[in-house]
Amino acid sequence: MTDDTITVRYTCPHCEAVTSLERPPNLADRSVTKLTQPGWEYATANDSAEQREAADGIEFVCGEDGPVTDLEGGSVDGCGRPFYLNFVRYEQGIELEPEPPTYGGPRFDFNE
């Protein structure tokens, strides 16, 4: 780790394995999801730090982007499935909401 980065841990939503990544300390992380957000562009965990931070998020492949651990730090195999770190996004200075929203559970419209 360098002086201008921190180690951030992300938990796979499929199997709860933990992936660590060096990131700048001024994070704009919104959520970790099993699916991509429509229209968002994702860097990979192996891209340069500049490419990762310029994207809309980061795509991880559990266990293939480096070592993974359990929640206590013990070495485990990852499940090999993709998951996505979604950054906070802005358009013309307004924060965009992800689709589907990443909070409050599913939303249904029962109006006829």
N, C-alpha and C. Protein backbone atom coordinates (compact mmCIF):
# COMPACT_ATOMS: atom_id res chain seq x y z
N MET A 1 0.85 -1.19 0.00
CA MET A 1 0.00 0.00 0.00
C MET A 1 0.89 1.24 0.00
N THR A 2 0.52 2.24 -0.83
CA THR A 2 1.26 3.49 -0.85
C THR A 2 0.56 4.48 0.06
N ASP A 3 1.20 5.64 0.23
CA ASP A 3 0.64 6.65 1.13
C ASP A 3 -0.66 7.25 0.61
N ASP A 4 -0.90 7.18 -0.72
CA ASP A 4 -2.10 7.80 -1.25
C ASP A 4 -3.20 6.78 -1.60
N THR A 5 -3.11 5.57 -1.07
CA THR A 5 -4.17 4.59 -1.25
C THR A 5 -4.48 3.90 0.07
N ILE A 6 -5.64 3.27 0.09
CA ILE A 6 -6.03 2.46 1.24
C ILE A 6 -6.51 1.10 0.71
N THR A 7 -6.48 0.11 1.56
CA THR A 7 -7.00 -1.19 1.17
C THR A 7 -8.48 -1.24 1.52
N VAL A 8 -9.30 -1.50 0.51
CA VAL A 8 -10.74 -1.56 0.68
C VAL A 8 -11.17 -3.00 0.40
N ARG A 9 -12.08 -3.52 1.23
CA ARG A 9 -12.53 -4.90 1.10
C ARG A 9 -13.98 -4.92 0.60
N TYR A 10 -14.23 -5.77 -0.40
CA TYR A 10 -15.56 -5.92 -0.96
C TYR A 10 -15.99 -7.37 -0.83
N THR A 11 -17.21 -7.58 -0.35
CA THR A 11 -17.74 -8.92 -0.13
C THR A 11 -18.57 -9.36 -1.31
N CYS A 12 -18.25 -10.54 -1.84
CA CYS A 12 -19.01 -11.11 -2.95
C CYS A 12 -20.44 -11.38 -2.50
N PRO A 13 -21.43 -10.86 -3.22
CA PRO A 13 -22.83 -11.10 -2.82
C PRO A 13 -23.31 -12.52 -3.09
N HIS A 14 -22.52 -13.30 -3.82
CA HIS A 14 -22.88 -14.69 -4.11
C HIS A 14 -22.44 -15.64 -3.00
N CYS A 15 -21.19 -15.47 -2.52
CA CYS A 15 -20.63 -16.48 -1.60
C CYS A 15 -20.00 -15.88 -0.35
N GLU A 16 -19.98 -14.56 -0.23
CA GLU A 16 -19.43 -13.84 0.93
C GLU A 16 -17.91 -13.93 1.06
N ALA A 17 -17.22 -14.31 -0.02
CA ALA A 17 -15.76 -14.21 -0.03
C ALA A 17 -15.39 -12.73 -0.13
N VAL A 18 -14.26 -12.36 0.43
CA VAL A 18 -13.85 -10.96 0.48
C VAL A 18 -12.67 -10.72 -0.46
N THR A 19 -12.81 -9.72 -1.32
CA THR A 19 -11.77 -9.30 -2.24
C THR A 19 -11.24 -7.96 -1.76
N SER A 20 -9.92 -7.79 -1.77
CA SER A 20 -9.31 -6.52 -1.35
C SER A 20 -8.73 -5.81 -2.57
N LEU A 21 -8.80 -4.48 -2.55
CA LEU A 21 -8.30 -3.68 -3.65
C LEU A 21 -7.74 -2.38 -3.10
N GLU A 22 -6.61 -1.96 -3.64
CA GLU A 22 -6.02 -0.66 -3.28
C GLU A 22 -6.79 0.43 -4.01
N ARG A 23 -7.29 1.42 -3.27
CA ARG A 23 -8.08 2.52 -3.84
C ARG A 23 -7.64 3.83 -3.21
N PRO A 24 -7.87 4.95 -3.89
CA PRO A 24 -7.62 6.24 -3.26
C PRO A 24 -8.60 6.44 -2.10
N PRO A 25 -8.23 7.22 -1.11
CA PRO A 25 -9.08 7.36 0.08
C PRO A 25 -10.36 8.16 -0.13
N ASN A 26 -10.51 8.85 -1.23
CA ASN A 26 -11.72 9.64 -1.48
C ASN A 26 -12.70 8.80 -2.31
N LEU A 27 -13.33 7.82 -1.66
CA LEU A 27 -14.20 6.88 -2.33
C LEU A 27 -15.58 7.46 -2.62
N ALA A 28 -16.15 7.02 -3.74
CA ALA A 28 -17.53 7.38 -4.09
C ALA A 28 -18.30 6.09 -4.36
N ASP A 29 -18.16 5.11 -3.48
CA ASP A 29 -18.82 3.82 -3.65
C ASP A 29 -20.29 3.94 -3.26
N ARG A 30 -21.15 3.33 -4.05
CA ARG A 30 -22.58 3.33 -3.76
C ARG A 30 -23.04 1.95 -3.30
N SER A 31 -22.70 0.89 -4.06
CA SER A 31 -23.23 -0.43 -3.74
C SER A 31 -22.41 -1.52 -4.41
N VAL A 32 -22.60 -2.74 -3.93
CA VAL A 32 -22.07 -3.94 -4.57
C VAL A 32 -23.28 -4.78 -4.95
N THR A 33 -23.36 -5.16 -6.24
CA THR A 33 -24.52 -5.88 -6.74
C THR A 33 -24.11 -7.10 -7.54
N LYS A 34 -25.06 -8.02 -7.72
CA LYS A 34 -24.84 -9.21 -8.53
C LYS A 34 -24.92 -8.91 -10.02
N LEU A 35 -25.63 -7.85 -10.38
CA LEU A 35 -25.85 -7.50 -11.78
C LEU A 35 -25.32 -6.10 -12.06
N THR A 36 -25.02 -5.86 -13.33
CA THR A 36 -24.58 -4.53 -13.73
C THR A 36 -25.75 -3.57 -13.68
N GLN A 37 -25.45 -2.29 -13.60
CA GLN A 37 -26.47 -1.25 -13.72
C GLN A 37 -26.60 -0.92 -15.21
N PRO A 38 -27.81 -0.86 -15.74
CA PRO A 38 -27.98 -0.60 -17.17
C PRO A 38 -27.31 0.69 -17.62
N GLY A 39 -26.52 0.58 -18.67
CA GLY A 39 -25.86 1.75 -19.25
C GLY A 39 -24.57 2.16 -18.56
N TRP A 40 -24.18 1.49 -17.49
CA TRP A 40 -22.96 1.85 -16.78
C TRP A 40 -21.78 1.09 -17.37
N GLU A 41 -20.62 1.73 -17.39
CA GLU A 41 -19.41 1.10 -17.90
C GLU A 41 -18.51 0.73 -16.73
N TYR A 42 -18.03 -0.51 -16.75
CA TYR A 42 -17.24 -1.04 -15.64
C TYR A 42 -15.81 -1.30 -16.07
N ALA A 43 -14.88 -0.92 -15.23
CA ALA A 43 -13.48 -1.30 -15.38
C ALA A 43 -13.31 -2.67 -14.72
N THR A 44 -12.19 -3.30 -14.94
CA THR A 44 -11.90 -4.55 -14.24
C THR A 44 -10.97 -4.25 -13.08
N ALA A 45 -10.90 -5.17 -12.15
CA ALA A 45 -10.02 -4.99 -11.00
C ALA A 45 -8.56 -4.92 -11.41
N ASN A 46 -8.22 -5.47 -12.58
CA ASN A 46 -6.84 -5.48 -13.06
C ASN A 46 -6.48 -4.26 -13.90
N ASP A 47 -7.44 -3.39 -14.21
CA ASP A 47 -7.15 -2.16 -14.93
C ASP A 47 -6.32 -1.23 -14.03
N SER A 48 -5.73 -0.22 -14.63
CA SER A 48 -4.96 0.75 -13.85
C SER A 48 -5.89 1.49 -12.90
N ALA A 49 -5.31 2.05 -11.85
CA ALA A 49 -6.11 2.81 -10.88
C ALA A 49 -6.84 3.96 -11.57
N GLU A 50 -6.21 4.61 -12.52
CA GLU A 50 -6.84 5.72 -13.23
C GLU A 50 -8.05 5.24 -14.03
N GLN A 51 -7.91 4.09 -14.71
CA GLN A 51 -9.03 3.55 -15.48
C GLN A 51 -10.18 3.13 -14.57
N ARG A 52 -9.84 2.50 -13.44
CA ARG A 52 -10.89 2.06 -12.51
C ARG A 52 -11.67 3.24 -11.97
N GLU A 53 -10.98 4.28 -11.55
CA GLU A 53 -11.66 5.42 -10.92
C GLU A 53 -12.42 6.27 -11.93
N ALA A 54 -12.07 6.20 -13.22
CA ALA A 54 -12.77 6.96 -14.26
C ALA A 54 -14.04 6.25 -14.73
N ALA A 55 -14.18 4.97 -14.43
CA ALA A 55 -15.35 4.19 -14.87
C ALA A 55 -16.54 4.47 -13.95
N ASP A 56 -17.67 3.84 -14.27
CA ASP A 56 -18.88 3.95 -13.45
C ASP A 56 -18.86 2.96 -12.30
N GLY A 57 -17.91 2.02 -12.34
CA GLY A 57 -17.79 1.01 -11.30
C GLY A 57 -16.72 0.01 -11.68
N ILE A 58 -16.59 -1.04 -10.87
CA ILE A 58 -15.58 -2.06 -11.10
C ILE A 58 -16.24 -3.42 -11.13
N GLU A 59 -15.90 -4.22 -12.14
CA GLU A 59 -16.37 -5.60 -12.22
C GLU A 59 -15.32 -6.50 -11.58
N PHE A 60 -15.74 -7.32 -10.64
CA PHE A 60 -14.88 -8.32 -10.02
C PHE A 60 -15.33 -9.70 -10.47
N VAL A 61 -14.40 -10.63 -10.57
CA VAL A 61 -14.73 -12.04 -10.73
C VAL A 61 -14.18 -12.71 -9.48
N CYS A 62 -15.08 -13.21 -8.64
CA CYS A 62 -14.72 -13.71 -7.32
C CYS A 62 -13.69 -14.83 -7.40
N GLY A 63 -12.52 -14.58 -6.82
CA GLY A 63 -11.45 -15.56 -6.77
C GLY A 63 -10.50 -15.51 -7.95
N GLU A 64 -10.84 -14.74 -8.99
CA GLU A 64 -9.98 -14.67 -10.18
C GLU A 64 -9.22 -13.36 -10.28
N ASP A 65 -9.58 -12.38 -9.47
CA ASP A 65 -8.92 -11.07 -9.51
C ASP A 65 -7.91 -10.91 -8.38
N GLY A 66 -7.44 -12.01 -7.84
CA GLY A 66 -6.50 -11.97 -6.73
C GLY A 66 -7.02 -12.84 -5.60
N PRO A 67 -6.24 -12.93 -4.55
CA PRO A 67 -6.65 -13.78 -3.42
C PRO A 67 -7.92 -13.27 -2.75
N VAL A 68 -8.72 -14.21 -2.25
CA VAL A 68 -9.92 -13.86 -1.50
C VAL A 68 -9.86 -14.54 -0.15
N THR A 69 -10.57 -13.97 0.80
CA THR A 69 -10.58 -14.50 2.15
C THR A 69 -12.02 -14.65 2.63
N ASP A 70 -12.19 -15.32 3.77
CA ASP A 70 -13.49 -15.30 4.42
C ASP A 70 -13.57 -14.01 5.23
N LEU A 71 -14.66 -13.79 5.92
CA LEU A 71 -14.85 -12.55 6.66
C LEU A 71 -13.84 -12.37 7.79
N GLU A 72 -13.26 -13.46 8.27
CA GLU A 72 -12.26 -13.38 9.35
C GLU A 72 -10.83 -13.28 8.82
N GLY A 73 -10.64 -13.35 7.49
CA GLY A 73 -9.31 -13.21 6.92
C GLY A 73 -8.63 -14.51 6.52
N GLY A 74 -9.30 -15.65 6.70
CA GLY A 74 -8.75 -16.93 6.29
C GLY A 74 -8.87 -17.12 4.79
N SER A 75 -7.87 -17.73 4.17
CA SER A 75 -7.86 -17.94 2.73
C SER A 75 -8.98 -18.90 2.30
N VAL A 76 -9.71 -18.53 1.24
CA VAL A 76 -10.78 -19.37 0.68
C VAL A 76 -10.71 -19.29 -0.84
N ASP A 77 -11.39 -20.22 -1.49
CA ASP A 77 -11.56 -20.14 -2.94
C ASP A 77 -12.77 -19.29 -3.23
N GLY A 78 -12.70 -18.47 -4.24
CA GLY A 78 -13.87 -17.70 -4.64
C GLY A 78 -14.80 -18.56 -5.48
N CYS A 79 -16.00 -18.07 -5.71
CA CYS A 79 -17.00 -18.83 -6.45
C CYS A 79 -16.88 -18.68 -7.96
N GLY A 80 -16.05 -17.74 -8.44
CA GLY A 80 -15.86 -17.55 -9.87
C GLY A 80 -16.95 -16.75 -10.56
N ARG A 81 -17.92 -16.25 -9.81
CA ARG A 81 -19.00 -15.48 -10.41
C ARG A 81 -18.69 -13.98 -10.37
N PRO A 82 -19.20 -13.22 -11.35
CA PRO A 82 -18.96 -11.78 -11.35
C PRO A 82 -19.84 -11.06 -10.33
N PHE A 83 -19.32 -9.96 -9.82
CA PHE A 83 -20.11 -9.01 -9.04
C PHE A 83 -19.57 -7.63 -9.31
N TYR A 84 -20.35 -6.60 -8.96
CA TYR A 84 -20.08 -5.26 -9.44
C TYR A 84 -20.11 -4.24 -8.31
N LEU A 85 -19.06 -3.43 -8.28
CA LEU A 85 -19.00 -2.27 -7.40
C LEU A 85 -19.51 -1.10 -8.21
N ASN A 86 -20.54 -0.44 -7.72
CA ASN A 86 -21.14 0.69 -8.41
C ASN A 86 -20.78 1.99 -7.70
N PHE A 87 -20.25 2.94 -8.46
CA PHE A 87 -19.89 4.23 -7.90
C PHE A 87 -21.10 5.16 -7.91
N VAL A 88 -21.05 6.19 -7.10
CA VAL A 88 -22.02 7.27 -7.18
C VAL A 88 -21.76 7.98 -8.50
N ARG A 89 -22.82 8.23 -9.26
CA ARG A 89 -22.69 8.90 -10.56
C ARG A 89 -23.48 10.20 -10.57
N TYR A 90 -22.97 11.15 -11.33
CA TYR A 90 -23.63 12.44 -11.48
C TYR A 90 -23.80 12.75 -12.96
N GLU A 91 -24.90 13.41 -13.29
CA GLU A 91 -25.11 13.92 -14.64
C GLU A 91 -25.59 15.35 -14.51
N GLN A 92 -24.84 16.27 -15.07
CA GLN A 92 -25.12 17.70 -14.96
C GLN A 92 -25.29 18.13 -13.51
N GLY A 93 -24.44 17.58 -12.63
CA GLY A 93 -24.42 17.96 -11.22
C GLY A 93 -25.50 17.30 -10.37
N ILE A 94 -26.32 16.43 -10.96
CA ILE A 94 -27.38 15.76 -10.21
C ILE A 94 -27.01 14.29 -10.05
N GLU A 95 -27.12 13.79 -8.81
CA GLU A 95 -26.80 12.40 -8.53
C GLU A 95 -27.82 11.49 -9.20
N LEU A 96 -27.33 10.50 -9.96
CA LEU A 96 -28.20 9.56 -10.65
C LEU A 96 -28.51 8.38 -9.74
N GLU A 97 -29.74 7.92 -9.78
CA GLU A 97 -30.15 6.73 -9.03
C GLU A 97 -29.88 5.51 -9.89
N PRO A 98 -29.37 4.44 -9.30
CA PRO A 98 -29.18 3.21 -10.08
C PRO A 98 -30.52 2.57 -10.41
N GLU A 99 -30.54 1.77 -11.46
CA GLU A 99 -31.73 1.03 -11.84
C GLU A 99 -31.42 -0.44 -11.77
N PRO A 100 -32.04 -1.26 -11.01
CA PRO A 100 -33.06 -0.87 -10.04
C PRO A 100 -32.41 -0.22 -8.83
N PRO A 101 -33.18 0.50 -8.02
CA PRO A 101 -32.60 1.12 -6.83
C PRO A 101 -31.92 0.08 -5.95
N THR A 102 -30.82 0.46 -5.31
CA THR A 102 -30.04 -0.48 -4.50
C THR A 102 -30.43 -0.41 -3.03
N TYR A 103 -31.52 0.22 -2.72
CA TYR A 103 -31.95 0.33 -1.34
C TYR A 103 -33.45 0.03 -1.27
N GLY A 104 -33.92 -0.36 -0.13
CA GLY A 104 -35.35 -0.52 0.09
C GLY A 104 -35.99 -1.71 -0.57
N GLY A 105 -35.24 -2.59 -1.17
CA GLY A 105 -35.82 -3.79 -1.76
C GLY A 105 -36.52 -3.51 -3.07
N PRO A 106 -37.15 -4.52 -3.63
CA PRO A 106 -37.80 -4.37 -4.93
C PRO A 106 -38.99 -3.41 -4.84
N ARG A 107 -39.28 -2.79 -5.94
CA ARG A 107 -40.41 -1.86 -6.00
C ARG A 107 -41.40 -2.37 -7.05
N PHE A 108 -42.66 -2.35 -6.67
CA PHE A 108 -43.70 -2.84 -7.56
C PHE A 108 -44.77 -1.78 -7.70
N ASP A 109 -45.36 -1.70 -8.87
CA ASP A 109 -46.46 -0.78 -9.11
C ASP A 109 -47.72 -1.62 -9.33
N PHE A 110 -48.62 -1.59 -8.35
CA PHE A 110 -49.83 -2.39 -8.43
C PHE A 110 -51.03 -1.59 -8.94
N ASN A 111 -50.80 -0.38 -9.40
CA ASN A 111 -51.90 0.42 -9.94
C ASN A 111 -52.28 -0.12 -11.31
N GLU A 112 -53.57 -0.08 -11.60
CA GLU A 112 -54.04 -0.56 -12.91
C GLU A 112 -54.14 0.57 -13.88
